[in-house]
Amino acid sequence: MLVKINNIPFPQVPSEGNPLTHGIRHWAQEQTTDILLGVLDSIRNVFIDFSYSVALVGCGLCILFWVVGWNKGKKWAGILYLANVLIKFLLMGGMIHGS
C-alpha cells in the first residue's frame, strides 16, 4: 500500500518499523548495557581498593597513636578493619569471590 505525502508516493512502513533499524537499535542497546555494567563494575573495584587503602593507613596510624599513648587506638584500628571487611563482603557478593 502506498501513502502519498505532497503527491509523492511512499511505501507504508509496518508498525514495528524497519527491521534493519530495529536490529541496529537492539545491538546498540546491548552494547550500551554492557558498557554501563562495565563502568559500574570498575567503580566498585576502585571503591573497594580505596576502602582498603584507607583502612590500611588508618589502622597503621591508630596503632601508632596507641603505642604513643592514645587509649582508643586499638579500638579504632579494629573498627576500621571491620568496616573494610564489611565493605568487601557487601560489594563483592559475599563469599562468591573470596576475600
PDB file of N, CA and C in Angstrom:
ATOM      1  N   MET A   1       0.843  -1.165   0.000  1.00  0.00           N
ATOM      2  CA  MET A   1       0.000   0.000   0.000  1.00  0.00           C
ATOM      3  C   MET A   1       0.895   1.237   0.000  1.00  0.00           C
ATOM      4  N   LEU A   2       0.573   2.188  -0.821  1.00  0.00           N
ATOM      5  CA  LEU A   2       1.353   3.416  -0.935  1.00  0.00           C
ATOM      6  C   LEU A   2       0.654   4.559  -0.199  1.00  0.00           C
ATOM      7  N   VAL A   3       1.446   5.355   0.476  1.00  0.00           N
ATOM      8  CA  VAL A   3       0.947   6.550   1.152  1.00  0.00           C
ATOM      9  C   VAL A   3       1.493   7.737   0.385  1.00  0.00           C
ATOM     10  N   LYS A   4       0.637   8.716   0.115  1.00  0.00           N
ATOM     11  CA  LYS A   4       1.077   9.890  -0.638  1.00  0.00           C
ATOM     12  C   LYS A   4       1.264  11.066   0.322  1.00  0.00           C
ATOM     13  N   ILE A   5       2.462  11.649   0.265  1.00  0.00           N
ATOM     14  CA  ILE A   5       2.766  12.860   1.020  1.00  0.00           C
ATOM     15  C   ILE A   5       3.187  13.890  -0.015  1.00  0.00           C
ATOM     16  N   ASN A   6       2.422  14.985  -0.124  1.00  0.00           N
ATOM     17  CA  ASN A   6       2.662  16.011  -1.157  1.00  0.00           C
ATOM     18  C   ASN A   6       2.694  15.388  -2.547  1.00  0.00           C
ATOM     19  N   ASN A   7       1.777  14.468  -2.766  1.00  0.00           N
ATOM     20  CA  ASN A   7       1.642  13.772  -4.049  1.00  0.00           C
ATOM     21  C   ASN A   7       2.868  12.944  -4.414  1.00  0.00           C
ATOM     22  N   ILE A   8       3.695  12.613  -3.423  1.00  0.00           N
ATOM     23  CA  ILE A   8       4.837  11.727  -3.657  1.00  0.00           C
ATOM     24  C   ILE A   8       4.507  10.393  -2.998  1.00  0.00           C
ATOM     25  N   PRO A   9       4.531   9.304  -3.773  1.00  0.00           N
ATOM     26  CA  PRO A   9       4.155   8.017  -3.183  1.00  0.00           C
ATOM     27  C   PRO A   9       5.296   7.437  -2.317  1.00  0.00           C
ATOM     28  N   PHE A  10       4.927   6.997  -1.121  1.00  0.00           N
ATOM     29  CA  PHE A  10       5.860   6.331  -0.214  1.00  0.00           C
ATOM     30  C   PHE A  10       5.256   5.001   0.204  1.00  0.00           C
ATOM     31  N   PRO A  11       6.072   3.952   0.276  1.00  0.00           N
ATOM     32  CA  PRO A  11       5.522   2.690   0.777  1.00  0.00           C
ATOM     33  C   PRO A  11       5.224   2.814   2.267  1.00  0.00           C
ATOM     34  N   GLN A  12       4.147   2.173   2.677  1.00  0.00           N
ATOM     35  CA  GLN A  12       3.776   2.245   4.086  1.00  0.00           C
ATOM     36  C   GLN A  12       4.709   1.347   4.888  1.00  0.00           C
ATOM     37  N   VAL A  13       5.279   1.911   5.936  1.00  0.00           N
ATOM     38  CA  VAL A  13       6.197   1.168   6.797  1.00  0.00           C
ATOM     39  C   VAL A  13       5.362   0.405   7.811  1.00  0.00           C
ATOM     40  N   PRO A  14       5.662  -0.859   8.033  1.00  0.00           N
ATOM     41  CA  PRO A  14       4.901  -1.611   9.040  1.00  0.00           C
ATOM     42  C   PRO A  14       5.014  -0.950  10.417  1.00  0.00           C
ATOM     43  N   SER A  15       4.079  -1.263  11.301  1.00  0.00           N
ATOM     44  CA  SER A  15       4.026  -0.602  12.600  1.00  0.00           C
ATOM     45  C   SER A  15       5.249  -0.907  13.460  1.00  0.00           C
ATOM     46  N   GLU A  16       5.886  -2.054  13.265  1.00  0.00           N
ATOM     47  CA  GLU A  16       7.058  -2.377  14.072  1.00  0.00           C
ATOM     48  C   GLU A  16       8.318  -1.682  13.564  1.00  0.00           C
ATOM     49  N   GLY A  17       8.239  -0.988  12.476  1.00  0.00           N
ATOM     50  CA  GLY A  17       9.372  -0.225  11.969  1.00  0.00           C
ATOM     51  C   GLY A  17      10.234  -1.035  11.025  1.00  0.00           C
ATOM     52  N   ASN A  18      11.281  -0.423  10.603  1.00  0.00           N
ATOM     53  CA  ASN A  18      12.215  -1.046   9.684  1.00  0.00           C
ATOM     54  C   ASN A  18      12.994  -2.132  10.419  1.00  0.00           C
ATOM     55  N   PRO A  19      13.046  -3.348   9.879  1.00  0.00           N
ATOM     56  CA  PRO A  19      13.779  -4.416  10.580  1.00  0.00           C
ATOM     57  C   PRO A  19      15.268  -4.116  10.709  1.00  0.00           C
ATOM     58  N   LEU A  20      15.829  -3.387   9.760  1.00  0.00           N
ATOM     59  CA  LEU A  20      17.250  -3.060   9.837  1.00  0.00           C
ATOM     60  C   LEU A  20      17.523  -2.121  11.011  1.00  0.00           C
ATOM     61  N   THR A  21      16.728  -1.059  11.140  1.00  0.00           N
ATOM     62  CA  THR A  21      16.939  -0.141  12.262  1.00  0.00           C
ATOM     63  C   THR A  21      16.576  -0.808  13.580  1.00  0.00           C
ATOM     64  N   HIS A  22      15.619  -1.735  13.568  1.00  0.00           N
ATOM     65  CA  HIS A  22      15.286  -2.463  14.787  1.00  0.00           C
ATOM     66  C   HIS A  22      16.490  -3.288  15.246  1.00  0.00           C
ATOM     67  N   GLY A  23      17.173  -3.943  14.304  1.00  0.00           N
ATOM     68  CA  GLY A  23      18.362  -4.728  14.647  1.00  0.00           C
ATOM     69  C   GLY A  23      19.489  -3.854  15.157  1.00  0.00           C
ATOM     70  N   ILE A  24      19.674  -2.690  14.543  1.00  0.00           N
ATOM     71  CA  ILE A  24      20.720  -1.771  14.989  1.00  0.00           C
ATOM     72  C   ILE A  24      20.406  -1.250  16.389  1.00  0.00           C
ATOM     73  N   ARG A  25      19.143  -0.911  16.633  1.00  0.00           N
ATOM     74  CA  ARG A  25      18.747  -0.441  17.973  1.00  0.00           C
ATOM     75  C   ARG A  25      18.969  -1.521  19.017  1.00  0.00           C
ATOM     76  N   HIS A  26      18.623  -2.739  18.684  1.00  0.00           N
ATOM     77  CA  HIS A  26      18.817  -3.845  19.629  1.00  0.00           C
ATOM     78  C   HIS A  26      20.304  -4.041  19.919  1.00  0.00           C
ATOM     79  N   TRP A  27      21.145  -4.009  18.897  1.00  0.00           N
ATOM     80  CA  TRP A  27      22.588  -4.150  19.078  1.00  0.00           C
ATOM     81  C   TRP A  27      23.149  -2.995  19.924  1.00  0.00           C
ATOM     82  N   ALA A  28      22.699  -1.757  19.635  1.00  0.00           N
ATOM     83  CA  ALA A  28      23.181  -0.603  20.392  1.00  0.00           C
ATOM     84  C   ALA A  28      22.731  -0.687  21.851  1.00  0.00           C
ATOM     85  N   GLN A  29      21.528  -1.185  22.086  1.00  0.00           N
ATOM     86  CA  GLN A  29      21.041  -1.336  23.456  1.00  0.00           C
ATOM     87  C   GLN A  29      21.886  -2.353  24.223  1.00  0.00           C
ATOM     88  N   GLU A  30      22.224  -3.459  23.591  1.00  0.00           N
ATOM     89  CA  GLU A  30      23.077  -4.459  24.241  1.00  0.00           C
ATOM     90  C   GLU A  30      24.462  -3.896  24.544  1.00  0.00           C
ATOM     91  N   GLN A  31      25.037  -3.169  23.563  1.00  0.00           N
ATOM     92  CA  GLN A  31      26.373  -2.604  23.772  1.00  0.00           C
ATOM     93  C   GLN A  31      26.370  -1.561  24.888  1.00  0.00           C
ATOM     94  N   THR A  32      25.345  -0.720  24.932  1.00  0.00           N
ATOM     95  CA  THR A  32      25.242   0.296  25.969  1.00  0.00           C
ATOM     96  C   THR A  32      25.097  -0.350  27.338  1.00  0.00           C
ATOM     97  N   THR A  33      24.303  -1.395  27.421  1.00  0.00           N
ATOM     98  CA  THR A  33      24.141  -2.105  28.691  1.00  0.00           C
ATOM     99  C   THR A  33      25.460  -2.702  29.154  1.00  0.00           C
ATOM    100  N   ASP A  34      26.205  -3.316  28.228  1.00  0.00           N
ATOM    101  CA  ASP A  34      27.497  -3.891  28.581  1.00  0.00           C
ATOM    102  C   ASP A  34      28.479  -2.817  29.052  1.00  0.00           C
ATOM    103  N   ILE A  35      28.487  -1.680  28.371  1.00  0.00           N
ATOM    104  CA  ILE A  35      29.393  -0.601  28.749  1.00  0.00           C
ATOM    105  C   ILE A  35      29.045  -0.062  30.132  1.00  0.00           C
ATOM    106  N   LEU A  36      27.766   0.173  30.386  1.00  0.00           N
ATOM    107  CA  LEU A  36      27.356   0.703  31.690  1.00  0.00           C
ATOM    108  C   LEU A  36      27.649  -0.276  32.818  1.00  0.00           C
ATOM    109  N   LEU A  37      27.418  -1.556  32.594  1.00  0.00           N
ATOM    110  CA  LEU A  37      27.739  -2.538  33.624  1.00  0.00           C
ATOM    111  C   LEU A  37      29.244  -2.620  33.864  1.00  0.00           C
ATOM    112  N   GLY A  38      30.041  -2.473  32.806  1.00  0.00           N
ATOM    113  CA  GLY A  38      31.494  -2.452  32.966  1.00  0.00           C
ATOM    114  C   GLY A  38      31.966  -1.243  33.756  1.00  0.00           C
ATOM    115  N   VAL A  39      31.362  -0.083  33.484  1.00  0.00           N
ATOM    116  CA  VAL A  39      31.729   1.131  34.222  1.00  0.00           C
ATOM    117  C   VAL A  39      31.365   0.987  35.691  1.00  0.00           C
ATOM    118  N   LEU A  40      30.174   0.472  35.979  1.00  0.00           N
ATOM    119  CA  LEU A  40      29.773   0.280  37.373  1.00  0.00           C
ATOM    120  C   LEU A  40      30.662  -0.732  38.089  1.00  0.00           C
ATOM    121  N   ASP A  41      31.076  -1.780  37.391  1.00  0.00           N
ATOM    122  CA  ASP A  41      31.982  -2.757  37.984  1.00  0.00           C
ATOM    123  C   ASP A  41      33.344  -2.129  38.273  1.00  0.00           C
ATOM    124  N   SER A  42      33.827  -1.281  37.374  1.00  0.00           N
ATOM    125  CA  SER A  42      35.103  -0.601  37.603  1.00  0.00           C
ATOM    126  C   SER A  42      35.023   0.353  38.785  1.00  0.00           C
ATOM    127  N   ILE A  43      33.909   1.079  38.901  1.00  0.00           N
ATOM    128  CA  ILE A  43      33.728   1.982  40.042  1.00  0.00           C
ATOM    129  C   ILE A  43      33.701   1.182  41.339  1.00  0.00           C
ATOM    130  N   ARG A  44      33.045   0.041  41.322  1.00  0.00           N
ATOM    131  CA  ARG A  44      33.010  -0.821  42.516  1.00  0.00           C
ATOM    132  C   ARG A  44      34.405  -1.278  42.899  1.00  0.00           C
ATOM    133  N   ASN A  45      35.210  -1.685  41.909  1.00  0.00           N
ATOM    134  CA  ASN A  45      36.572  -2.133  42.198  1.00  0.00           C
ATOM    135  C   ASN A  45      37.426  -1.010  42.755  1.00  0.00           C
ATOM    136  N   VAL A  46      37.286   0.203  42.204  1.00  0.00           N
ATOM    137  CA  VAL A  46      38.053   1.335  42.705  1.00  0.00           C
ATOM    138  C   VAL A  46      37.643   1.650  44.141  1.00  0.00           C
ATOM    139  N   PHE A  47      36.348   1.604  44.433  1.00  0.00           N
ATOM    140  CA  PHE A  47      35.879   1.883  45.789  1.00  0.00           C
ATOM    141  C   PHE A  47      36.396   0.845  46.777  1.00  0.00           C
ATOM    142  N   ILE A  48      36.417  -0.425  46.383  1.00  0.00           N
ATOM    143  CA  ILE A  48      36.935  -1.482  47.265  1.00  0.00           C
ATOM    144  C   ILE A  48      38.415  -1.261  47.529  1.00  0.00           C
ATOM    145  N   ASP A  49      39.187  -0.951  46.497  1.00  0.00           N
ATOM    146  CA  ASP A  49      40.616  -0.697  46.688  1.00  0.00           C
ATOM    147  C   ASP A  49      40.859   0.554  47.522  1.00  0.00           C
ATOM    148  N   PHE A  50      40.039   1.591  47.320  1.00  0.00           N
ATOM    149  CA  PHE A  50      40.182   2.813  48.105  1.00  0.00           C
ATOM    150  C   PHE A  50      39.862   2.549  49.571  1.00  0.00           C
ATOM    151  N   SER A  51      38.818   1.760  49.847  1.00  0.00           N
ATOM    152  CA  SER A  51      38.481   1.458  51.239  1.00  0.00           C
ATOM    153  C   SER A  51      39.598   0.647  51.894  1.00  0.00           C
ATOM    154  N   TYR A  52      40.245  -0.242  51.135  1.00  0.00           N
ATOM    155  CA  TYR A  52      41.375  -0.989  51.677  1.00  0.00           C
ATOM    156  C   TYR A  52      42.524  -0.047  52.020  1.00  0.00           C
ATOM    157  N   SER A  53      42.804   0.908  51.143  1.00  0.00           N
ATOM    158  CA  SER A  53      43.888   1.861  51.398  1.00  0.00           C
ATOM    159  C   SER A  53      43.604   2.706  52.632  1.00  0.00           C
ATOM    160  N   VAL A  54      42.376   3.179  52.762  1.00  0.00           N
ATOM    161  CA  VAL A  54      42.001   3.987  53.927  1.00  0.00           C
ATOM    162  C   VAL A  54      42.125   3.150  55.200  1.00  0.00           C
ATOM    163  N   ALA A  55      41.653   1.905  55.143  1.00  0.00           N
ATOM    164  CA  ALA A  55      41.729   1.043  56.319  1.00  0.00           C
ATOM    165  C   ALA A  55      43.178   0.741  56.677  1.00  0.00           C
ATOM    166  N   LEU A  56      44.020   0.513  55.687  1.00  0.00           N
ATOM    167  CA  LEU A  56      45.419   0.191  55.947  1.00  0.00           C
ATOM    168  C   LEU A  56      46.140   1.369  56.597  1.00  0.00           C
ATOM    169  N   VAL A  57      45.999   2.546  56.013  1.00  0.00           N
ATOM    170  CA  VAL A  57      46.661   3.735  56.568  1.00  0.00           C
ATOM    171  C   VAL A  57      46.048   4.101  57.920  1.00  0.00           C
ATOM    172  N   GLY A  58      44.719   4.051  58.014  1.00  0.00           N
ATOM    173  CA  GLY A  58      44.052   4.399  59.266  1.00  0.00           C
ATOM    174  C   GLY A  58      44.417   3.458  60.394  1.00  0.00           C
ATOM    175  N   CYS A  59      44.443   2.156  60.113  1.00  0.00           N
ATOM    176  CA  CYS A  59      44.829   1.194  61.152  1.00  0.00           C
ATOM    177  C   CYS A  59      46.269   1.412  61.590  1.00  0.00           C
ATOM    178  N   GLY A  60      47.136   1.667  60.632  1.00  0.00           N
ATOM    179  CA  GLY A  60      48.532   1.932  60.981  1.00  0.00           C
ATOM    180  C   GLY A  60      48.676   3.158  61.870  1.00  0.00           C
ATOM    181  N   LEU A  61      47.970   4.226  61.538  1.00  0.00           N
ATOM    182  CA  LEU A  61      48.032   5.435  62.369  1.00  0.00           C
ATOM    183  C   LEU A  61      47.433   5.197  63.748  1.00  0.00           C
ATOM    184  N   CYS A  62      46.314   4.484  63.807  1.00  0.00           N
ATOM    185  CA  CYS A  62      45.700   4.205  65.105  1.00  0.00           C
ATOM    186  C   CYS A  62      46.621   3.360  65.988  1.00  0.00           C
ATOM    187  N   ILE A  63      47.296   2.391  65.404  1.00  0.00           N
ATOM    188  CA  ILE A  63      48.236   1.572  66.184  1.00  0.00           C
ATOM    189  C   ILE A  63      49.409   2.415  66.662  1.00  0.00           C
ATOM    190  N   LEU A  64      49.905   3.286  65.787  1.00  0.00           N
ATOM    191  CA  LEU A  64      50.993   4.186  66.220  1.00  0.00           C
ATOM    192  C   LEU A  64      50.532   5.112  67.338  1.00  0.00           C
ATOM    193  N   PHE A  65      49.331   5.659  67.217  1.00  0.00           N
ATOM    194  CA  PHE A  65      48.815   6.529  68.274  1.00  0.00           C
ATOM    195  C   PHE A  65      48.598   5.746  69.575  1.00  0.00           C
ATOM    196  N   TRP A  66      48.206   4.472  69.454  1.00  0.00           N
ATOM    197  CA  TRP A  66      48.034   3.646  70.647  1.00  0.00           C
ATOM    198  C   TRP A  66      49.377   3.420  71.344  1.00  0.00           C
ATOM    199  N   VAL A  67      50.415   3.185  70.543  1.00  0.00           N
ATOM    200  CA  VAL A  67      51.748   2.998  71.110  1.00  0.00           C
ATOM    201  C   VAL A  67      52.209   4.276  71.808  1.00  0.00           C
ATOM    202  N   VAL A  68      51.875   5.425  71.227  1.00  0.00           N
ATOM    203  CA  VAL A  68      52.293   6.707  71.797  1.00  0.00           C
ATOM    204  C   VAL A  68      51.503   7.023  73.075  1.00  0.00           C
ATOM    205  N   GLY A  69      50.280   6.526  73.192  1.00  0.00           N
ATOM    206  CA  GLY A  69      49.546   6.785  74.413  1.00  0.00           C
ATOM    207  C   GLY A  69      48.054   7.005  74.247  1.00  0.00           C
ATOM    208  N   TRP A  70      47.545   6.958  73.033  1.00  0.00           N
ATOM    209  CA  TRP A  70      46.100   7.140  72.845  1.00  0.00           C
ATOM    210  C   TRP A  70      45.415   5.826  73.185  1.00  0.00           C
ATOM    211  N   ASN A  71      44.571   5.831  74.196  1.00  0.00           N
ATOM    212  CA  ASN A  71      43.976   4.595  74.706  1.00  0.00           C
ATOM    213  C   ASN A  71      42.993   3.952  73.740  1.00  0.00           C
ATOM    214  N   LYS A  72      42.363   4.716  72.882  1.00  0.00           N
ATOM    215  CA  LYS A  72      41.346   4.174  71.980  1.00  0.00           C
ATOM    216  C   LYS A  72      41.915   3.746  70.624  1.00  0.00           C
ATOM    217  N   GLY A  73      43.220   3.733  70.497  1.00  0.00           N
ATOM    218  CA  GLY A  73      43.835   3.386  69.213  1.00  0.00           C
ATOM    219  C   GLY A  73      43.522   1.980  68.760  1.00  0.00           C
ATOM    220  N   LYS A  74      43.568   1.017  69.692  1.00  0.00           N
ATOM    221  CA  LYS A  74      43.270  -0.373  69.322  1.00  0.00           C
ATOM    222  C   LYS A  74      41.815  -0.512  68.875  1.00  0.00           C
ATOM    223  N   LYS A  75      40.930   0.176  69.603  1.00  0.00           N
ATOM    224  CA  LYS A  75      39.503   0.083  69.280  1.00  0.00           C
ATOM    225  C   LYS A  75      39.234   0.607  67.871  1.00  0.00           C
ATOM    226  N   TRP A  76      39.784   1.769  67.532  1.00  0.00           N
ATOM    227  CA  TRP A  76      39.517   2.363  66.233  1.00  0.00           C
ATOM    228  C   TRP A  76      40.223   1.621  65.102  1.00  0.00           C
ATOM    229  N   ALA A  77      41.357   1.013  65.396  1.00  0.00           N
ATOM    230  CA  ALA A  77      42.000   0.177  64.377  1.00  0.00           C
ATOM    231  C   ALA A  77      41.110  -1.017  64.046  1.00  0.00           C
ATOM    232  N   GLY A  78      40.512  -1.622  65.063  1.00  0.00           N
ATOM    233  CA  GLY A  78      39.595  -2.743  64.834  1.00  0.00           C
ATOM    234  C   GLY A  78      38.350  -2.323  64.084  1.00  0.00           C
ATOM    235  N   ILE A  79      37.825  -1.136  64.423  1.00  0.00           N
ATOM    236  CA  ILE A  79      36.630  -0.645  63.724  1.00  0.00           C
ATOM    237  C   ILE A  79      36.932  -0.390  62.249  1.00  0.00           C
ATOM    238  N   LEU A  80      38.075   0.219  61.954  1.00  0.00           N
ATOM    239  CA  LEU A  80      38.439   0.462  60.551  1.00  0.00           C
ATOM    240  C   LEU A  80      38.606  -0.848  59.778  1.00  0.00           C
ATOM    241  N   TYR A  81      39.253  -1.818  60.413  1.00  0.00           N
ATOM    242  CA  TYR A  81      39.448  -3.094  59.725  1.00  0.00           C
ATOM    243  C   TYR A  81      38.112  -3.802  59.510  1.00  0.00           C
ATOM    244  N   LEU A  82      37.226  -3.769  60.522  1.00  0.00           N
ATOM    245  CA  LEU A  82      35.913  -4.385  60.383  1.00  0.00           C
ATOM    246  C   LEU A  82      35.093  -3.694  59.290  1.00  0.00           C
ATOM    247  N   ALA A  83      35.171  -2.371  59.226  1.00  0.00           N
ATOM    248  CA  ALA A  83      34.458  -1.644  58.169  1.00  0.00           C
ATOM    249  C   ALA A  83      34.971  -2.068  56.794  1.00  0.00           C
ATOM    250  N   ASN A  84      36.279  -2.252  56.676  1.00  0.00           N
ATOM    251  CA  ASN A  84      36.846  -2.695  55.397  1.00  0.00           C
ATOM    252  C   ASN A  84      36.339  -4.086  55.030  1.00  0.00           C
ATOM    253  N   VAL A  85      36.291  -4.984  55.998  1.00  0.00           N
ATOM    254  CA  VAL A  85      35.799  -6.340  55.735  1.00  0.00           C
ATOM    255  C   VAL A  85      34.320  -6.302  55.329  1.00  0.00           C
ATOM    256  N   LEU A  86      33.521  -5.469  56.002  1.00  0.00           N
ATOM    257  CA  LEU A  86      32.104  -5.373  55.646  1.00  0.00           C
ATOM    258  C   LEU A  86      31.903  -4.804  54.246  1.00  0.00           C
ATOM    259  N   ILE A  87      32.684  -3.791  53.891  1.00  0.00           N
ATOM    260  CA  ILE A  87      32.577  -3.221  52.541  1.00  0.00           C
ATOM    261  C   ILE A  87      32.919  -4.277  51.496  1.00  0.00           C
ATOM    262  N   LYS A  88      33.978  -5.028  51.726  1.00  0.00           N
ATOM    263  CA  LYS A  88      34.334  -6.090  50.780  1.00  0.00           C
ATOM    264  C   LYS A  88      33.238  -7.147  50.703  1.00  0.00           C
ATOM    265  N   PHE A  89      32.699  -7.520  51.858  1.00  0.00           N
ATOM    266  CA  PHE A  89      31.671  -8.560  51.888  1.00  0.00           C
ATOM    267  C   PHE A  89      30.416  -8.107  51.141  1.00  0.00           C
ATOM    268  N   LEU A  90      30.010  -6.855  51.358  1.00  0.00           N
ATOM    269  CA  LEU A  90      28.791  -6.377  50.732  1.00  0.00           C
ATOM    270  C   LEU A  90      28.961  -6.120  49.228  1.00  0.00           C
ATOM    271  N   LEU A  91      30.080  -5.550  48.841  1.00  0.00           N
ATOM    272  CA  LEU A  91      30.266  -5.178  47.438  1.00  0.00           C
ATOM    273  C   LEU A  91      30.777  -6.318  46.553  1.00  0.00           C
ATOM    274  N   MET A  92      31.380  -7.306  47.151  1.00  0.00           N
ATOM    275  CA  MET A  92      31.910  -8.407  46.340  1.00  0.00           C
ATOM    276  C   MET A  92      30.980  -9.603  46.311  1.00  0.00           C
ATOM    277  N   GLY A  93      29.777  -9.459  46.840  1.00  0.00           N
ATOM    278  CA  GLY A  93      28.803 -10.542  46.752  1.00  0.00           C
ATOM    279  C   GLY A  93      29.023 -11.635  47.755  1.00  0.00           C
ATOM    280  N   GLY A  94      29.410 -11.297  48.952  1.00  0.00           N
ATOM    281  CA  GLY A  94      29.593 -12.302  49.999  1.00  0.00           C
ATOM    282  C   GLY A  94      30.857 -13.096  49.772  1.00  0.00           C
ATOM    283  N   MET A  95      30.751 -14.396  49.852  1.00  0.00           N
ATOM    284  CA  MET A  95      31.929 -15.251  49.727  1.00  0.00           C
ATOM    285  C   MET A  95      32.083 -15.820  48.327  1.00  0.00           C
ATOM    286  N   ILE A  96      31.383 -15.260  47.348  1.00  0.00           N
ATOM    287  CA  ILE A  96      31.467 -15.789  45.986  1.00  0.00           C
ATOM    288  C   ILE A  96      32.872 -15.593  45.421  1.00  0.00           C
ATOM    289  N   HIS A  97      33.420 -14.379  45.584  1.00  0.00           N
ATOM    290  CA  HIS A  97      34.727 -14.067  45.021  1.00  0.00           C
ATOM    291  C   HIS A  97      35.861 -14.341  45.989  1.00  0.00           C
ATOM    292  N   GLY A  98      35.582 -14.723  47.199  1.00  0.00           N
ATOM    293  CA  GLY A  98      36.627 -14.909  48.184  1.00  0.00           C
ATOM    294  C   GLY A  98      37.017 -13.577  48.804  1.00  0.00           C
ATOM    295  N   SER A  99      37.907 -13.654  49.772  1.00  0.00           N
ATOM    296  CA  SER A  99      38.290 -12.391  50.434  1.00  0.00           C
ATOM    297  C   SER A  99      39.755 -12.217  50.531  1.00  0.00           C
TER     298      SER A  99
END
